[in-house]
Amino acid sequence: MASGRAAEALRAYRAVLKATRKSFAGDTVMLNGSAQEVRKKFEENRHVTSDSDVQRMLDEAREAAHFISTMIVQAKLSDRGGYEVKLDKEHADATLEVPSEELLRKSGSQ
């Protein structure tokens, strides 16, 4: 049974990493940071043995992969000086929240 859980955990880990690679494609800082954070979270919980806790964490990992895939998109600065977002089919029913111009200016100056 433990090897089945390990395989399930590995699948969940890979699913979260795959979601981050797709959502943050082309953004090396976010790709590296998200991969480190995902690894850290899984490592912190490596020694959890309670079936209910393991199941809860696996469910959370699956939810995280789904959230990252469907709710996170990155805007890219266009040649015209504005930001463009390319939505995929996974984003079809999502609500788009656009940050204010002030927030965009602040994040661009950092």
PDB file of N, CA and C in Angstrom:
ATOM      1  N   MET A   1       0.820  -1.195   0.000  1.00  0.00           N
ATOM      2  CA  MET A   1       0.000   0.000   0.000  1.00  0.00           C
ATOM      3  C   MET A   1       0.864   1.258   0.000  1.00  0.00           C
ATOM      4  N   ALA A   2       1.991   1.215   0.704  1.00  0.00           N
ATOM      5  CA  ALA A   2       2.847   2.393   0.781  1.00  0.00           C
ATOM      6  C   ALA A   2       3.413   2.748  -0.588  1.00  0.00           C
ATOM      7  N   SER A   3       3.784   1.735  -1.383  1.00  0.00           N
ATOM      8  CA  SER A   3       4.329   2.030  -2.705  1.00  0.00           C
ATOM      9  C   SER A   3       3.262   2.627  -3.614  1.00  0.00           C
ATOM     10  N   GLY A   4       2.008   2.255  -3.414  1.00  0.00           N
ATOM     11  CA  GLY A   4       0.912   2.853  -4.169  1.00  0.00           C
ATOM     12  C   GLY A   4       0.748   4.320  -3.832  1.00  0.00           C
ATOM     13  N   ARG A   5       0.888   4.646  -2.559  1.00  0.00           N
ATOM     14  CA  ARG A   5       0.822   6.058  -2.124  1.00  0.00           C
ATOM     15  C   ARG A   5       2.003   6.845  -2.652  1.00  0.00           C
ATOM     16  N   ALA A   6       3.168   6.214  -2.670  1.00  0.00           N
ATOM     17  CA  ALA A   6       4.359   6.897  -3.186  1.00  0.00           C
ATOM     18  C   ALA A   6       4.175   7.213  -4.670  1.00  0.00           C
ATOM     19  N   ALA A   7       3.645   6.266  -5.415  1.00  0.00           N
ATOM     20  CA  ALA A   7       3.404   6.495  -6.844  1.00  0.00           C
ATOM     21  C   ALA A   7       2.363   7.589  -7.043  1.00  0.00           C
ATOM     22  N   GLU A   8       1.344   7.583  -6.212  1.00  0.00           N
ATOM     23  CA  GLU A   8       0.302   8.614  -6.288  1.00  0.00           C
ATOM     24  C   GLU A   8       0.876   9.996  -5.945  1.00  0.00           C
ATOM     25  N   ALA A   9       1.747  10.031  -4.948  1.00  0.00           N
ATOM     26  CA  ALA A   9       2.397  11.296  -4.575  1.00  0.00           C
ATOM     27  C   ALA A   9       3.291  11.795  -5.703  1.00  0.00           C
ATOM     28  N   LEU A  10       4.002  10.888  -6.352  1.00  0.00           N
ATOM     29  CA  LEU A  10       4.862  11.264  -7.473  1.00  0.00           C
ATOM     30  C   LEU A  10       4.024  11.818  -8.632  1.00  0.00           C
ATOM     31  N   ARG A  11       2.885  11.186  -8.911  1.00  0.00           N
ATOM     32  CA  ARG A  11       1.995  11.693  -9.966  1.00  0.00           C
ATOM     33  C   ARG A  11       1.478  13.086  -9.615  1.00  0.00           C
ATOM     34  N   ALA A  12       1.108  13.297  -8.354  1.00  0.00           N
ATOM     35  CA  ALA A  12       0.621  14.610  -7.926  1.00  0.00           C
ATOM     36  C   ALA A  12       1.723  15.655  -8.032  1.00  0.00           C
ATOM     37  N   TYR A  13       2.919  15.288  -7.639  1.00  0.00           N
ATOM     38  CA  TYR A  13       4.077  16.183  -7.722  1.00  0.00           C
ATOM     39  C   TYR A  13       4.326  16.588  -9.174  1.00  0.00           C
ATOM     40  N   ARG A  14       4.337  15.612 -10.044  1.00  0.00           N
ATOM     41  CA  ARG A  14       4.563  15.893 -11.466  1.00  0.00           C
ATOM     42  C   ARG A  14       3.445  16.745 -12.053  1.00  0.00           C
ATOM     43  N   ALA A  15       2.213  16.516 -11.623  1.00  0.00           N
ATOM     44  CA  ALA A  15       1.084  17.297 -12.135  1.00  0.00           C
ATOM     45  C   ALA A  15       1.216  18.766 -11.742  1.00  0.00           C
ATOM     46  N   VAL A  16       1.636  19.022 -10.514  1.00  0.00           N
ATOM     47  CA  VAL A  16       1.813  20.411 -10.069  1.00  0.00           C
ATOM     48  C   VAL A  16       2.961  21.053 -10.846  1.00  0.00           C
ATOM     49  N   LEU A  17       4.061  20.347 -11.000  1.00  0.00           N
ATOM     50  CA  LEU A  17       5.192  20.892 -11.766  1.00  0.00           C
ATOM     51  C   LEU A  17       4.802  21.158 -13.224  1.00  0.00           C
ATOM     52  N   LYS A  18       4.060  20.246 -13.818  1.00  0.00           N
ATOM     53  CA  LYS A  18       3.618  20.428 -15.202  1.00  0.00           C
ATOM     54  C   LYS A  18       2.732  21.669 -15.317  1.00  0.00           C
ATOM     55  N   ALA A  19       1.857  21.860 -14.352  1.00  0.00           N
ATOM     56  CA  ALA A  19       0.984  23.035 -14.365  1.00  0.00           C
ATOM     57  C   ALA A  19       1.793  24.322 -14.253  1.00  0.00           C
ATOM     58  N   THR A  20       2.810  24.326 -13.406  1.00  0.00           N
ATOM     59  CA  THR A  20       3.631  25.536 -13.264  1.00  0.00           C
ATOM     60  C   THR A  20       4.452  25.781 -14.522  1.00  0.00           C
ATOM     61  N   ARG A  21       4.962  24.721 -15.138  1.00  0.00           N
ATOM     62  CA  ARG A  21       5.744  24.897 -16.370  1.00  0.00           C
ATOM     63  C   ARG A  21       4.896  25.499 -17.481  1.00  0.00           C
ATOM     64  N   LYS A  22       3.646  25.082 -17.552  1.00  0.00           N
ATOM     65  CA  LYS A  22       2.766  25.619 -18.586  1.00  0.00           C
ATOM     66  C   LYS A  22       2.364  27.063 -18.268  1.00  0.00           C
ATOM     67  N   SER A  23       1.969  27.312 -17.035  1.00  0.00           N
ATOM     68  CA  SER A  23       1.493  28.642 -16.670  1.00  0.00           C
ATOM     69  C   SER A  23       2.594  29.687 -16.692  1.00  0.00           C
ATOM     70  N   PHE A  24       3.809  29.289 -16.358  1.00  0.00           N
ATOM     71  CA  PHE A  24       4.916  30.247 -16.266  1.00  0.00           C
ATOM     72  C   PHE A  24       5.940  30.077 -17.394  1.00  0.00           C
ATOM     73  N   ALA A  25       5.519  29.481 -18.500  1.00  0.00           N
ATOM     74  CA  ALA A  25       6.426  29.273 -19.632  1.00  0.00           C
ATOM     75  C   ALA A  25       7.067  30.598 -20.042  1.00  0.00           C
ATOM     76  N   GLY A  26       8.378  30.569 -20.177  1.00  0.00           N
ATOM     77  CA  GLY A  26       9.102  31.758 -20.597  1.00  0.00           C
ATOM     78  C   GLY A  26       9.499  32.689 -19.472  1.00  0.00           C
ATOM     79  N   ASP A  27       9.057  32.408 -18.250  1.00  0.00           N
ATOM     80  CA  ASP A  27       9.383  33.253 -17.096  1.00  0.00           C
ATOM     81  C   ASP A  27      10.293  32.443 -16.158  1.00  0.00           C
ATOM     82  N   THR A  28      11.574  32.553 -16.385  1.00  0.00           N
ATOM     83  CA  THR A  28      12.550  31.748 -15.652  1.00  0.00           C
ATOM     84  C   THR A  28      12.463  31.947 -14.147  1.00  0.00           C
ATOM     85  N   VAL A  29      12.255  33.173 -13.715  1.00  0.00           N
ATOM     86  CA  VAL A  29      12.182  33.450 -12.277  1.00  0.00           C
ATOM     87  C   VAL A  29      11.008  32.694 -11.653  1.00  0.00           C
ATOM     88  N   MET A  30       9.834  32.777 -12.274  1.00  0.00           N
ATOM     89  CA  MET A  30       8.664  32.090 -11.724  1.00  0.00           C
ATOM     90  C   MET A  30       8.791  30.577 -11.865  1.00  0.00           C
ATOM     91  N   LEU A  31       9.362  30.111 -12.957  1.00  0.00           N
ATOM     92  CA  LEU A  31       9.556  28.666 -13.132  1.00  0.00           C
ATOM     93  C   LEU A  31      10.443  28.104 -12.030  1.00  0.00           C
ATOM     94  N   ASN A  32      11.573  28.749 -11.803  1.00  0.00           N
ATOM     95  CA  ASN A  32      12.491  28.272 -10.772  1.00  0.00           C
ATOM     96  C   ASN A  32      11.895  28.401  -9.383  1.00  0.00           C
ATOM     97  N   GLY A  33      11.282  29.535  -9.102  1.00  0.00           N
ATOM     98  CA  GLY A  33      10.695  29.760  -7.779  1.00  0.00           C
ATOM     99  C   GLY A  33       9.561  28.796  -7.479  1.00  0.00           C
ATOM    100  N   SER A  34       8.698  28.579  -8.456  1.00  0.00           N
ATOM    101  CA  SER A  34       7.576  27.666  -8.224  1.00  0.00           C
ATOM    102  C   SER A  34       8.061  26.230  -8.073  1.00  0.00           C
ATOM    103  N   ALA A  35       9.049  25.821  -8.861  1.00  0.00           N
ATOM    104  CA  ALA A  35       9.584  24.461  -8.735  1.00  0.00           C
ATOM    105  C   ALA A  35      10.206  24.252  -7.354  1.00  0.00           C
ATOM    106  N   GLN A  36      10.927  25.252  -6.877  1.00  0.00           N
ATOM    107  CA  GLN A  36      11.528  25.154  -5.537  1.00  0.00           C
ATOM    108  C   GLN A  36      10.449  25.070  -4.459  1.00  0.00           C
ATOM    109  N   GLU A  37       9.399  25.867  -4.606  1.00  0.00           N
ATOM    110  CA  GLU A  37       8.325  25.866  -3.604  1.00  0.00           C
ATOM    111  C   GLU A  37       7.568  24.540  -3.607  1.00  0.00           C
ATOM    112  N   VAL A  38       7.285  24.007  -4.774  1.00  0.00           N
ATOM    113  CA  VAL A  38       6.596  22.717  -4.865  1.00  0.00           C
ATOM    114  C   VAL A  38       7.457  21.635  -4.221  1.00  0.00           C
ATOM    115  N   ARG A  39       8.732  21.613  -4.554  1.00  0.00           N
ATOM    116  CA  ARG A  39       9.655  20.619  -3.982  1.00  0.00           C
ATOM    117  C   ARG A  39       9.693  20.735  -2.458  1.00  0.00           C
ATOM    118  N   LYS A  40       9.785  21.976  -1.977  1.00  0.00           N
ATOM    119  CA  LYS A  40       9.838  22.219  -0.528  1.00  0.00           C
ATOM    120  C   LYS A  40       8.596  21.668   0.168  1.00  0.00           C
ATOM    121  N   LYS A  41       7.427  21.946  -0.397  1.00  0.00           N
ATOM    122  CA  LYS A  41       6.178  21.478   0.229  1.00  0.00           C
ATOM    123  C   LYS A  41       6.108  19.958   0.272  1.00  0.00           C
ATOM    124  N   PHE A  42       6.495  19.312  -0.823  1.00  0.00           N
ATOM    125  CA  PHE A  42       6.458  17.854  -0.831  1.00  0.00           C
ATOM    126  C   PHE A  42       7.497  17.275   0.128  1.00  0.00           C
ATOM    127  N   GLU A  43       8.684  17.866   0.183  1.00  0.00           N
ATOM    128  CA  GLU A  43       9.727  17.394   1.101  1.00  0.00           C
ATOM    129  C   GLU A  43       9.302  17.554   2.559  1.00  0.00           C
ATOM    130  N   GLU A  44       8.643  18.670   2.884  1.00  0.00           N
ATOM    131  CA  GLU A  44       8.187  18.900   4.259  1.00  0.00           C
ATOM    132  C   GLU A  44       7.243  17.807   4.727  1.00  0.00           C
ATOM    133  N   ASN A  45       6.517  17.207   3.805  1.00  0.00           N
ATOM    134  CA  ASN A  45       5.501  16.224   4.156  1.00  0.00           C
ATOM    135  C   ASN A  45       5.893  14.793   3.799  1.00  0.00           C
ATOM    136  N   ARG A  46       7.143  14.596   3.455  1.00  0.00           N
ATOM    137  CA  ARG A  46       7.622  13.281   3.033  1.00  0.00           C
ATOM    138  C   ARG A  46       7.362  12.193   4.077  1.00  0.00           C
ATOM    139  N   HIS A  47       7.447  12.548   5.343  1.00  0.00           N
ATOM    140  CA  HIS A  47       7.368  11.535   6.398  1.00  0.00           C
ATOM    141  C   HIS A  47       5.976  11.401   7.024  1.00  0.00           C
ATOM    142  N   VAL A  48       4.975  12.012   6.431  1.00  0.00           N
ATOM    143  CA  VAL A  48       3.599  11.865   6.920  1.00  0.00           C
ATOM    144  C   VAL A  48       3.138  10.448   6.613  1.00  0.00           C
ATOM    145  N   THR A  49       2.568   9.790   7.622  1.00  0.00           N
ATOM    146  CA  THR A  49       2.165   8.390   7.438  1.00  0.00           C
ATOM    147  C   THR A  49       0.669   8.164   7.595  1.00  0.00           C
ATOM    148  N   SER A  50      -0.022   9.070   8.207  1.00  0.00           N
ATOM    149  CA  SER A  50      -1.464   8.913   8.405  1.00  0.00           C
ATOM    150  C   SER A  50      -2.175   8.901   7.049  1.00  0.00           C
ATOM    151  N   ASP A  51      -2.942   7.825   6.798  1.00  0.00           N
ATOM    152  CA  ASP A  51      -3.653   7.715   5.522  1.00  0.00           C
ATOM    153  C   ASP A  51      -4.550   8.913   5.257  1.00  0.00           C
ATOM    154  N   SER A  52      -5.226   9.383   6.272  1.00  0.00           N
ATOM    155  CA  SER A  52      -6.131  10.518   6.062  1.00  0.00           C
ATOM    156  C   SER A  52      -5.349  11.793   5.745  1.00  0.00           C
ATOM    157  N   ASP A  53      -4.212  11.991   6.411  1.00  0.00           N
ATOM    158  CA  ASP A  53      -3.385  13.167   6.121  1.00  0.00           C
ATOM    159  C   ASP A  53      -2.779  13.089   4.725  1.00  0.00           C
ATOM    160  N   VAL A  54      -2.298  11.907   4.357  1.00  0.00           N
ATOM    161  CA  VAL A  54      -1.713  11.730   3.028  1.00  0.00           C
ATOM    162  C   VAL A  54      -2.779  11.985   1.964  1.00  0.00           C
ATOM    163  N   GLN A  55      -3.967  11.431   2.176  1.00  0.00           N
ATOM    164  CA  GLN A  55      -5.046  11.628   1.201  1.00  0.00           C
ATOM    165  C   GLN A  55      -5.419  13.104   1.081  1.00  0.00           C
ATOM    166  N   ARG A  56      -5.481  13.797   2.190  1.00  0.00           N
ATOM    167  CA  ARG A  56      -5.803  15.234   2.179  1.00  0.00           C
ATOM    168  C   ARG A  56      -4.742  16.008   1.403  1.00  0.00           C
ATOM    169  N   MET A  57      -3.479  15.682   1.635  1.00  0.00           N
ATOM    170  CA  MET A  57      -2.391  16.375   0.937  1.00  0.00           C
ATOM    171  C   MET A  57      -2.393  16.071  -0.559  1.00  0.00           C
ATOM    172  N   LEU A  58      -2.696  14.831  -0.921  1.00  0.00           N
ATOM    173  CA  LEU A  58      -2.779  14.494  -2.342  1.00  0.00           C
ATOM    174  C   LEU A  58      -3.928  15.245  -3.005  1.00  0.00           C
ATOM    175  N   ASP A  59      -5.053  15.335  -2.309  1.00  0.00           N
ATOM    176  CA  ASP A  59      -6.184  16.105  -2.834  1.00  0.00           C
ATOM    177  C   ASP A  59      -5.806  17.579  -3.000  1.00  0.00           C
ATOM    178  N   GLU A  60      -5.080  18.127  -2.025  1.00  0.00           N
ATOM    179  CA  GLU A  60      -4.636  19.520  -2.114  1.00  0.00           C
ATOM    180  C   GLU A  60      -3.679  19.726  -3.281  1.00  0.00           C
ATOM    181  N   ALA A  61      -2.806  18.765  -3.524  1.00  0.00           N
ATOM    182  CA  ALA A  61      -1.861  18.865  -4.645  1.00  0.00           C
ATOM    183  C   ALA A  61      -2.621  18.849  -5.971  1.00  0.00           C
ATOM    184  N   ARG A  62      -3.620  17.974  -6.080  1.00  0.00           N
ATOM    185  CA  ARG A  62      -4.426  17.938  -7.305  1.00  0.00           C
ATOM    186  C   ARG A  62      -5.192  19.240  -7.501  1.00  0.00           C
ATOM    187  N   GLU A  63      -5.738  19.769  -6.413  1.00  0.00           N
ATOM    188  CA  GLU A  63      -6.434  21.060  -6.486  1.00  0.00           C
ATOM    189  C   GLU A  63      -5.474  22.178  -6.894  1.00  0.00           C
ATOM    190  N   ALA A  64      -4.256  22.144  -6.367  1.00  0.00           N
ATOM    191  CA  ALA A  64      -3.263  23.163  -6.713  1.00  0.00           C
ATOM    192  C   ALA A  64      -2.922  23.090  -8.196  1.00  0.00           C
ATOM    193  N   ALA A  65      -2.733  21.890  -8.721  1.00  0.00           N
ATOM    194  CA  ALA A  65      -2.422  21.730 -10.146  1.00  0.00           C
ATOM    195  C   ALA A  65      -3.559  22.269 -11.000  1.00  0.00           C
ATOM    196  N   HIS A  66      -4.789  21.973 -10.603  1.00  0.00           N
ATOM    197  CA  HIS A  66      -5.955  22.469 -11.343  1.00  0.00           C
ATOM    198  C   HIS A  66      -6.035  23.993 -11.260  1.00  0.00           C
ATOM    199  N   PHE A  67      -5.837  24.536 -10.076  1.00  0.00           N
ATOM    200  CA  PHE A  67      -5.900  25.989  -9.890  1.00  0.00           C
ATOM    201  C   PHE A  67      -4.839  26.690 -10.740  1.00  0.00           C
ATOM    202  N   ILE A  68      -3.623  26.202 -10.672  1.00  0.00           N
ATOM    203  CA  ILE A  68      -2.531  26.814 -11.429  1.00  0.00           C
ATOM    204  C   ILE A  68      -2.830  26.746 -12.928  1.00  0.00           C
ATOM    205  N   SER A  69      -3.359  25.621 -13.381  1.00  0.00           N
ATOM    206  CA  SER A  69      -3.642  25.446 -14.807  1.00  0.00           C
ATOM    207  C   SER A  69      -4.774  26.322 -15.305  1.00  0.00           C
ATOM    208  N   THR A  70      -5.763  26.547 -14.464  1.00  0.00           N
ATOM    209  CA  THR A  70      -6.973  27.234 -14.938  1.00  0.00           C
ATOM    210  C   THR A  70      -7.104  28.677 -14.470  1.00  0.00           C
ATOM    211  N   MET A  71      -6.432  29.045 -13.405  1.00  0.00           N
ATOM    212  CA  MET A  71      -6.671  30.368 -12.829  1.00  0.00           C
ATOM    213  C   MET A  71      -5.483  31.322 -12.930  1.00  0.00           C
ATOM    214  N   ILE A  72      -4.354  30.839 -13.376  1.00  0.00           N
ATOM    215  CA  ILE A  72      -3.173  31.706 -13.465  1.00  0.00           C
ATOM    216  C   ILE A  72      -2.770  31.848 -14.927  1.00  0.00           C
ATOM    217  N   VAL A  73      -2.688  33.083 -15.356  1.00  0.00           N
ATOM    218  CA  VAL A  73      -2.145  33.401 -16.683  1.00  0.00           C
ATOM    219  C   VAL A  73      -1.166  34.543 -16.499  1.00  0.00           C
ATOM    220  N   GLN A  74      -0.211  34.610 -17.375  1.00  0.00           N
ATOM    221  CA  GLN A  74       0.753  35.694 -17.279  1.00  0.00           C
ATOM    222  C   GLN A  74       0.557  36.663 -18.424  1.00  0.00           C
ATOM    223  N   ALA A  75       0.516  37.926 -18.072  1.00  0.00           N
ATOM    224  CA  ALA A  75       0.463  38.972 -19.081  1.00  0.00           C
ATOM    225  C   ALA A  75       1.883  39.267 -19.521  1.00  0.00           C
ATOM    226  N   LYS A  76       2.032  39.500 -20.824  1.00  0.00           N
ATOM    227  CA  LYS A  76       3.347  39.825 -21.361  1.00  0.00           C
ATOM    228  C   LYS A  76       3.304  41.215 -21.945  1.00  0.00           C
ATOM    229  N   LEU A  77       4.363  41.945 -21.738  1.00  0.00           N
ATOM    230  CA  LEU A  77       4.484  43.293 -22.265  1.00  0.00           C
ATOM    231  C   LEU A  77       4.610  43.221 -23.782  1.00  0.00           C
ATOM    232  N   SER A  78       3.730  43.927 -24.474  1.00  0.00           N
ATOM    233  CA  SER A  78       3.753  43.914 -25.940  1.00  0.00           C
ATOM    234  C   SER A  78       4.676  45.006 -26.461  1.00  0.00           C
ATOM    235  N   ASP A  79       4.930  44.954 -27.752  1.00  0.00           N
ATOM    236  CA  ASP A  79       5.756  45.969 -28.403  1.00  0.00           C
ATOM    237  C   ASP A  79       5.117  47.352 -28.323  1.00  0.00           C
ATOM    238  N   ARG A  80       3.808  47.382 -28.165  1.00  0.00           N
ATOM    239  CA  ARG A  80       3.076  48.651 -28.097  1.00  0.00           C
ATOM    240  C   ARG A  80       3.068  49.241 -26.687  1.00  0.00           C
ATOM    241  N   GLY A  81       3.660  48.561 -25.738  1.00  0.00           N
ATOM    242  CA  GLY A  81       3.743  49.083 -24.379  1.00  0.00           C
ATOM    243  C   GLY A  81       2.623  48.638 -23.473  1.00  0.00           C
ATOM    244  N   GLY A  82       1.684  47.861 -23.979  1.00  0.00           N
ATOM    245  CA  GLY A  82       0.595  47.338 -23.151  1.00  0.00           C
ATOM    246  C   GLY A  82       0.857  45.881 -22.791  1.00  0.00           C
ATOM    247  N   TYR A  83      -0.007  45.339 -21.979  1.00  0.00           N
ATOM    248  CA  TYR A  83       0.119  43.939 -21.585  1.00  0.00           C
ATOM    249  C   TYR A  83      -0.899  43.110 -22.340  1.00  0.00           C
ATOM    250  N   GLU A  84      -0.475  41.944 -22.790  1.00  0.00           N
ATOM    251  CA  GLU A  84      -1.342  41.029 -23.509  1.00  0.00           C
ATOM    252  C   GLU A  84      -1.414  39.706 -22.763  1.00  0.00           C
ATOM    253  N   VAL A  85      -2.610  39.112 -22.789  1.00  0.00           N
ATOM    254  CA  VAL A  85      -2.821  37.816 -22.146  1.00  0.00           C
ATOM    255  C   VAL A  85      -3.353  36.860 -23.196  1.00  0.00           C
ATOM    256  N   LYS A  86      -2.761  35.695 -23.267  1.00  0.00           N
ATOM    257  CA  LYS A  86      -3.237  34.659 -24.174  1.00  0.00           C
ATOM    258  C   LYS A  86      -3.916  33.580 -23.327  1.00  0.00           C
ATOM    259  N   LEU A  87      -5.226  33.450 -23.496  1.00  0.00           N
ATOM    260  CA  LEU A  87      -5.975  32.455 -22.737  1.00  0.00           C
ATOM    261  C   LEU A  87      -6.057  31.157 -23.527  1.00  0.00           C
ATOM    262  N   ASP A  88      -5.972  30.041 -22.828  1.00  0.00           N
ATOM    263  CA  ASP A  88      -6.118  28.720 -23.428  1.00  0.00           C
ATOM    264  C   ASP A  88      -7.508  28.190 -23.118  1.00  0.00           C
ATOM    265  N   LYS A  89      -7.829  27.038 -23.691  1.00  0.00           N
ATOM    266  CA  LYS A  89      -9.150  26.446 -23.464  1.00  0.00           C
ATOM    267  C   LYS A  89      -9.392  26.137 -21.985  1.00  0.00           C
ATOM    268  N   GLU A  90      -8.318  25.902 -21.219  1.00  0.00           N
ATOM    269  CA  GLU A  90      -8.467  25.612 -19.789  1.00  0.00           C
ATOM    270  C   GLU A  90      -9.045  26.799 -19.018  1.00  0.00           C
ATOM    271  N   HIS A  91      -8.916  27.983 -19.590  1.00  0.00           N
ATOM    272  CA  HIS A  91      -9.373  29.198 -18.925  1.00  0.00           C
ATOM    273  C   HIS A  91     -10.788  29.601 -19.336  1.00  0.00           C
ATOM    274  N   ALA A  92     -11.491  28.759 -20.075  1.00  0.00           N
ATOM    275  CA  ALA A  92     -12.772  29.111 -20.686  1.00  0.00           C
ATOM    276  C   ALA A  92     -13.811  29.628 -19.687  1.00  0.00           C
ATOM    277  N   ASP A  93     -13.928  29.038 -18.535  1.00  0.00           N
ATOM    278  CA  ASP A  93     -14.952  29.453 -17.570  1.00  0.00           C
ATOM    279  C   ASP A  93     -14.393  30.282 -16.429  1.00  0.00           C
ATOM    280  N   ALA A  94     -13.158  30.709 -16.540  1.00  0.00           N
ATOM    281  CA  ALA A  94     -12.515  31.461 -15.461  1.00  0.00           C
ATOM    282  C   ALA A  94     -12.920  32.928 -15.522  1.00  0.00           C
ATOM    283  N   THR A  95     -12.836  33.579 -14.387  1.00  0.00           N
ATOM    284  CA  THR A  95     -13.067  35.012 -14.296  1.00  0.00           C
ATOM    285  C   THR A  95     -11.714  35.695 -14.356  1.00  0.00           C
ATOM    286  N   LEU A  96     -11.594  36.660 -15.231  1.00  0.00           N
ATOM    287  CA  LEU A  96     -10.328  37.356 -15.407  1.00  0.00           C
ATOM    288  C   LEU A  96     -10.308  38.606 -14.547  1.00  0.00           C
ATOM    289  N   GLU A  97      -9.305  38.713 -13.705  1.00  0.00           N
ATOM    290  CA  GLU A  97      -9.103  39.916 -12.913  1.00  0.00           C
ATOM    291  C   GLU A  97      -7.862  40.607 -13.429  1.00  0.00           C
ATOM    292  N   VAL A  98      -8.027  41.842 -13.847  1.00  0.00           N
ATOM    293  CA  VAL A  98      -6.910  42.598 -14.397  1.00  0.00           C
ATOM    294  C   VAL A  98      -6.406  43.548 -13.320  1.00  0.00           C
ATOM    295  N   PRO A  99      -5.107  43.520 -13.029  1.00  0.00           N
ATOM    296  CA  PRO A  99      -4.578  44.429 -12.016  1.00  0.00           C
ATOM    297  C   PRO A  99      -4.673  45.877 -12.488  1.00  0.00           C
ATOM    298  N   SER A 100      -4.736  46.766 -11.538  1.00  0.00           N
ATOM    299  CA  SER A 100      -4.831  48.186 -11.852  1.00  0.00           C
ATOM    300  C   SER A 100      -3.545  48.674 -12.505  1.00  0.00           C
ATOM    301  N   GLU A 101      -3.647  49.786 -13.218  1.00  0.00           N
ATOM    302  CA  GLU A 101      -2.462  50.392 -13.842  1.00  0.00           C
ATOM    303  C   GLU A 101      -1.410  50.722 -12.783  1.00  0.00           C
ATOM    304  N   GLU A 102      -1.860  51.179 -11.619  1.00  0.00           N
ATOM    305  CA  GLU A 102      -0.921  51.527 -10.545  1.00  0.00           C
ATOM    306  C   GLU A 102      -0.119  50.302 -10.106  1.00  0.00           C
ATOM    307  N   LEU A 103      -0.791  49.193  -9.924  1.00  0.00           N
ATOM    308  CA  LEU A 103      -0.117  47.964  -9.521  1.00  0.00           C
ATOM    309  C   LEU A 103       0.856  47.509 -10.603  1.00  0.00           C
ATOM    310  N   LEU A 104       0.461  47.620 -11.851  1.00  0.00           N
ATOM    311  CA  LEU A 104       1.345  47.230 -12.941  1.00  0.00           C
ATOM    312  C   LEU A 104       2.584  48.126 -12.988  1.00  0.00           C
ATOM    313  N   ARG A 105       2.401  49.419 -12.747  1.00  0.00           N
ATOM    314  CA  ARG A 105       3.556  50.323 -12.736  1.00  0.00           C
ATOM    315  C   ARG A 105       4.504  49.976 -11.610  1.00  0.00           C
ATOM    316  N   LYS A 106       3.957  49.687 -10.433  1.00  0.00           N
ATOM    317  CA  LYS A 106       4.800  49.338  -9.275  1.00  0.00           C
ATOM    318  C   LYS A 106       5.578  48.056  -9.531  1.00  0.00           C
ATOM    319  N   SER A 107       4.916  47.044 -10.099  1.00  0.00           N
ATOM    320  CA  SER A 107       5.608  45.767 -10.320  1.00  0.00           C
ATOM    321  C   SER A 107       6.638  45.897 -11.427  1.00  0.00           C
ATOM    322  N   GLY A 108       6.417  46.782 -12.379  1.00  0.00           N
ATOM    323  CA  GLY A 108       7.376  46.983 -13.456  1.00  0.00           C
ATOM    324  C   GLY A 108       8.611  47.728 -13.024  1.00  0.00           C
ATOM    325  N   SER A 109       8.503  48.499 -11.943  1.00  0.00           N
ATOM    326  CA  SER A 109       9.650  49.302 -11.493  1.00  0.00           C
ATOM    327  C   SER A 109      10.544  48.528 -10.527  1.00  0.00           C
ATOM    328  N   GLN A 110      10.192  47.323 -10.163  1.00  0.00           N
ATOM    329  CA  GLN A 110      10.985  46.544  -9.208  1.00  0.00           C
ATOM    330  C   GLN A 110      12.021  45.713  -9.869  1.00  0.00           C
TER     331      GLN A 110
END
